[in-house]
Amino acid sequence: MLTHMRQEINEIPEAAARLLDRSAADLAKAGRALREKDPAFLVTIARGSSDHAATFIKYAIELTAGRPVASLGPSLASIYGADLKLGGGAAIAISQSGKSPDIVAMAEAATKSGAVTVALTNTLPSPITQASLHAVDINAGPELAVAATKSFVNSIVAGLALLSEWTGDDALKAAVRALPDHLAKAVTLDWSEFSGQLGDAESLYMLGRGPALAIASEAALKFKETSNMHAEAYSAAEVLHGPVALVEDRFPVLAFAARDAAEASIVEIVDSLAGKRAMAFATSGEVKAANKLPFIATGHPLTDALALIVPFYGFVEAWSRSKGFNPDQPAALKKVTETL
């Protein structure tokens, strides 16, 4: 019998298609509002997996629209009551439940300051939609497993679709439309070679750059959530500045490389770690010393990076079960965390 987590991973392509169909009008409306505002900057408001989705969207906006994006600590509004001057910008708030008090408070503060605010949520209506000027239903459907999977992917799909509407980027629009088919292929990829070598490792590094760094961060969180395993995400450029000291014989390293401008540098670094006898794996066909993991090349650097998380989800769900854990109900965690 499949776990809820495995079922929800399998539903990712369908969920993405549903989002693009049902939320098209709201995405176009929010994109038009951003185009009319022409924000000098953007901020993101999120926590947990949603914050990793926000990091992905940050890189996508900076690379595509050329606007700087900063992540706001939600406690600035809920705890500190800071008066931020956001009138010249826009804000994207991401919350699956749409009701975490600190996320809602920060979104409300951004709206009151004059920012164009867009909520990406799996729950309509909800407090986050009331606190924002625009709301997009990510249409992931019910997610019963505690560890978010399809809602993470759909948050990013919504962000990329919003970005394409805002900028009128036809190449990105086409890539987003093609995503459900690419994600359906990604669901079938087998990363069992990685699990076969991971053995009894107690810690590992996840590497990435640009949008793939957000994927590495999400992957590290999922290892902790589902398998009680210590995993840390680093920029491939930063891992050599200290963390490499822990890389010894058979230390696991998983590098997420998309077909983008950062691939060559990631390959160089992960190959160098393999040369230090690390158990190094990468989602690239260009590695020489590291092991290759299968991936889906989508034809666009942003959607290529997003597709990398799907085979990882399948891997980590199976890994969790193989270690005697229940990935649907991680210890000491609950589905909705509400913080001030």
Foldseek 3Di string as FASTA:
>chain_A
DDALLLVLLLCQLVLLLCQCPPQVVLLLVLLVVCLVLVAQAEEEFEDDLQVLLVQLLQLVCCVPVVHHYYYDDLCVCVPVNDQDQQQREAYEYEDAQQEFVSSLRVLLSNVVNNHQYEYEYCDPPHSNCVSHPGYGNLRSPDRQFQQDDSSSLSSNLSSLSSSCSNVVPPVSNVLSNCLSVQLNVLLPFDPVVLVVLCPPDQEAEEEEDRSLLSLRQSLQVLCCQQAVGHYYYDYLVCCVVPVLVPQAAQHEYEYEAFPDPCNVVSLVSQLVSVVRNYQGEYCDPPHDRHHHGDAGHSPDRSSRSSSVNSNSSVVSCVSSVVNPTRSRDGPPGDNDDHDD
